[in-house]
């Protein structure tokens, strides 16, 4: 019985974390002020970016089958599957698309992990992963995204993700962050 209570808490925390990842990734500031392409790919890239922040905290700590990290991955890929079906991808193609998406997630997570401590490399990684399909993005906008990445990476490490609540804020306030640059 106690195992089920603990398991439910872990599942609920995982769901809330994923919900916060998606809500943050849909914030209009990304698509307006920060010029991220408002496309399926642009939204996917922002979900992966925010997933990376969580990954950076949980990956080494949470390796068991019933961990927040594993449930989070499960929720994320089920959501990807559901969204693919919603946009009309056929049943026979969904598995292949999910495989491609999992490869993209792994590649981006690996790239962010390799570049997180090297600002110049991180700038190139953000440029490629977030703005790759969109040309003529100014350096200032890309640099703001790099700074956003770094502040969130630092901020997330102070959070207890196992005790996440509905009203908890796990990411740095985007509007507050962008307003610093608007002045």
Protein backbone atom coordinates (compact mmCIF):
# COMPACT_ATOMS: atom_id res chain seq x y z
CA UNK A 1 0.00 0.00 0.00
CA UNK A 2 2.74 2.48 0.90
CA UNK A 3 4.54 1.57 -2.30
CA UNK A 4 1.46 2.58 -4.32
CA UNK A 5 1.20 5.91 -2.46
CA UNK A 6 4.84 6.64 -3.20
CA UNK A 7 4.41 5.52 -6.80
CA UNK A 8 1.37 7.80 -7.22
CA UNK A 9 3.34 10.74 -5.82
CA UNK A 10 6.14 10.04 -8.30
CA UNK A 11 3.68 9.76 -11.20
CA UNK A 12 1.93 12.98 -10.15
CA UNK A 13 5.24 14.83 -9.87
CA UNK A 14 6.26 13.56 -13.31
CA UNK A 15 2.96 14.67 -14.82
CA UNK A 16 3.19 18.13 -13.22
CA UNK A 17 6.77 18.57 -14.42
CA UNK A 18 5.79 17.65 -17.98
CA UNK A 19 2.78 19.95 -17.81
CA UNK A 20 5.08 22.80 -16.75
CA UNK A 21 7.50 21.98 -19.57
CA UNK A 22 4.70 22.17 -22.14
CA UNK A 23 3.13 25.31 -20.67
CA UNK A 24 6.48 27.09 -20.63
CA UNK A 25 7.22 25.95 -24.17
CA UNK A 26 3.95 27.47 -25.36
CA UNK A 27 4.68 30.89 -23.87
CA UNK A 28 4.13 33.49 -26.61
CA UNK A 29 7.27 35.40 -25.64
CA UNK A 30 9.34 32.66 -27.26
CA UNK A 31 7.54 33.05 -30.58
CA UNK A 32 7.35 36.84 -30.58
CA UNK A 33 10.22 38.52 -28.78
CA UNK A 34 12.65 35.58 -28.98
CA UNK A 35 11.65 34.72 -32.57
CA UNK A 36 11.47 30.94 -32.16
CA UNK A 37 9.60 29.53 -35.18
CA UNK A 38 5.94 29.02 -34.20
CA UNK A 39 5.82 25.62 -35.90
CA UNK A 40 5.60 22.01 -34.81
CA UNK A 41 9.40 21.85 -34.94
CA UNK A 42 9.81 25.09 -32.97
CA UNK A 43 7.48 23.85 -30.24
CA UNK A 44 9.21 20.47 -30.17
CA UNK A 45 12.59 22.18 -29.81
CA UNK A 46 11.37 24.23 -26.85
CA UNK A 47 9.91 21.16 -25.15
CA UNK A 48 13.26 19.40 -25.55
CA UNK A 49 15.13 22.49 -24.27
CA UNK A 50 13.03 22.58 -21.10
CA UNK A 51 13.19 18.80 -20.76
CA UNK A 52 16.98 19.13 -20.77
CA UNK A 53 16.87 21.33 -17.65
CA UNK A 54 14.98 18.57 -15.83
CA UNK A 55 17.22 15.90 -17.34
CA UNK A 56 20.31 17.70 -16.04
CA UNK A 57 19.03 17.32 -12.48
CA UNK A 58 17.34 13.92 -12.55
CA UNK A 59 19.24 11.76 -15.01
CA UNK A 60 22.04 10.55 -12.74
CA UNK A 61 19.94 10.51 -9.56
CA UNK A 62 16.88 8.83 -11.00
CA UNK A 63 17.81 5.60 -12.70
CA UNK A 64 15.27 3.16 -11.26
CA UNK A 65 12.30 1.87 -13.21
CA UNK A 66 9.82 3.76 -10.99
CA UNK A 67 11.58 7.11 -11.01
CA UNK A 68 10.30 10.58 -11.81
CA UNK A 69 12.68 10.67 -14.77
CA UNK A 70 11.39 7.44 -16.32
CA UNK A 71 7.75 8.41 -15.82
CA UNK A 72 8.53 11.82 -17.31
CA UNK A 73 9.98 10.19 -20.43
CA UNK A 74 6.96 7.92 -20.69
CA UNK A 75 4.54 10.85 -20.40
CA UNK A 76 6.49 12.89 -22.94
CA UNK A 77 6.58 10.16 -25.58
CA UNK A 78 2.90 9.32 -25.06
CA UNK A 79 2.15 13.00 -25.61
CA UNK A 80 4.27 13.01 -28.78
CA UNK A 81 2.38 9.92 -29.98
CA UNK A 82 -0.98 11.54 -29.24
CA UNK A 83 -0.01 14.77 -31.01
CA UNK A 84 1.21 12.91 -34.09
CA UNK A 85 -2.10 11.07 -34.32
CA UNK A 86 -3.97 14.34 -33.78
CA UNK A 87 -2.28 15.96 -36.77
CA UNK A 88 -3.14 12.99 -38.96
CA UNK A 89 -0.06 10.78 -38.95
CA UNK A 90 -1.24 7.26 -39.76
CA UNK A 91 -0.99 4.37 -37.32
CA UNK A 92 1.67 2.64 -39.41
CA UNK A 93 3.89 5.73 -39.44
CA UNK A 94 3.59 6.78 -35.79
CA UNK A 95 6.19 4.31 -34.51
CA UNK A 96 8.74 5.45 -37.09
CA UNK A 97 8.07 9.12 -36.28
CA UNK A 98 8.39 8.48 -32.53
CA UNK A 99 11.71 6.74 -33.18
CA UNK A 100 12.90 9.78 -35.17
CA UNK A 101 11.73 12.09 -32.40
CA UNK A 102 13.52 10.02 -29.76
CA UNK A 103 16.71 10.26 -31.81
CA UNK A 104 16.23 14.04 -32.04
CA UNK A 105 15.64 14.32 -28.29
CA UNK A 106 18.75 12.26 -27.54
CA UNK A 107 20.83 14.28 -29.99
CA UNK A 108 19.71 17.62 -28.59
CA UNK A 109 20.13 16.51 -24.97
CA UNK A 110 23.63 15.28 -25.81
CA UNK A 111 24.47 18.56 -27.59
CA UNK A 112 23.18 20.67 -24.68
CA UNK A 113 25.08 18.50 -22.23
CA UNK A 114 28.34 18.90 -24.15
CA UNK A 115 27.95 22.65 -24.57
CA UNK A 116 26.42 23.73 -21.24
CA UNK A 117 29.79 24.79 -19.79
CA UNK A 118 31.17 26.35 -22.99
CA UNK A 119 29.35 29.57 -23.84
CA UNK A 120 30.56 29.81 -27.45
CA UNK A 121 29.62 26.20 -28.18
CA UNK A 122 26.28 26.69 -26.40
CA UNK A 123 25.59 29.70 -28.63
CA UNK A 124 26.14 27.50 -31.71
CA UNK A 125 24.04 24.69 -30.23
CA UNK A 126 21.12 27.04 -29.46
CA UNK A 127 21.44 28.57 -32.93
CA UNK A 128 21.26 25.16 -34.57
CA UNK A 129 18.65 23.51 -32.33
CA UNK A 130 16.26 26.41 -31.74
CA UNK A 131 16.77 28.62 -34.79
CA UNK A 132 18.10 26.14 -37.35
CA UNK A 133 15.19 26.48 -39.76
CA UNK A 134 14.87 30.25 -39.37
CA UNK A 135 17.46 32.50 -40.96
CA UNK A 136 18.31 36.12 -40.14
CA UNK A 137 17.98 35.83 -36.37
CA UNK A 138 20.09 38.55 -34.81
CA UNK A 139 22.93 37.73 -32.43
CA UNK A 140 21.27 39.56 -29.52
CA UNK A 141 18.19 37.31 -29.69
CA UNK A 142 20.34 34.18 -29.79
CA UNK A 143 22.41 35.48 -26.88
CA UNK A 144 19.24 36.08 -24.85
CA UNK A 145 18.31 32.42 -25.43
CA UNK A 146 21.79 31.35 -24.30
CA UNK A 147 21.42 33.45 -21.14
CA UNK A 148 17.92 32.01 -20.59
CA UNK A 149 19.41 28.52 -20.90
CA UNK A 150 22.16 29.24 -18.39
CA UNK A 151 19.92 30.89 -15.79
CA UNK A 152 17.43 28.02 -15.97
CA UNK A 153 20.14 25.41 -15.70
CA UNK A 154 21.41 27.12 -12.55
CA UNK A 155 17.90 27.76 -11.18
CA UNK A 156 16.59 24.21 -11.66
CA UNK A 157 19.31 22.72 -9.47
CA UNK A 158 17.81 24.47 -6.43
CA UNK A 159 14.39 22.86 -6.93
CA UNK A 160 13.08 19.73 -5.21
CA UNK A 161 11.36 18.15 -8.19
CA UNK A 162 9.99 15.28 -6.11
CA UNK A 163 7.79 17.71 -4.16
CA UNK A 164 6.55 19.73 -7.10
CA UNK A 165 3.13 21.32 -6.64
CA UNK A 166 0.62 22.65 -9.14
CA UNK A 167 1.55 26.26 -8.31
CA UNK A 168 5.31 25.63 -8.08
CA UNK A 169 7.44 27.45 -10.60
CA UNK A 170 10.33 25.30 -11.72
CA UNK A 171 11.60 27.57 -14.50
CA UNK A 172 12.90 31.12 -14.24
CA UNK A 173 10.19 33.73 -14.91
CA UNK A 174 10.37 34.31 -18.69
CA UNK A 175 8.64 37.69 -18.78
CA UNK A 176 10.81 39.02 -15.97
CA UNK A 177 13.88 37.66 -17.73
CA UNK A 178 13.03 39.21 -21.11
CA UNK A 179 12.17 42.57 -19.51
CA UNK A 180 15.78 42.85 -18.35
CA UNK A 181 16.83 42.91 -22.03
CA UNK A 182 14.09 45.29 -23.15
CA UNK A 183 15.43 48.10 -20.96
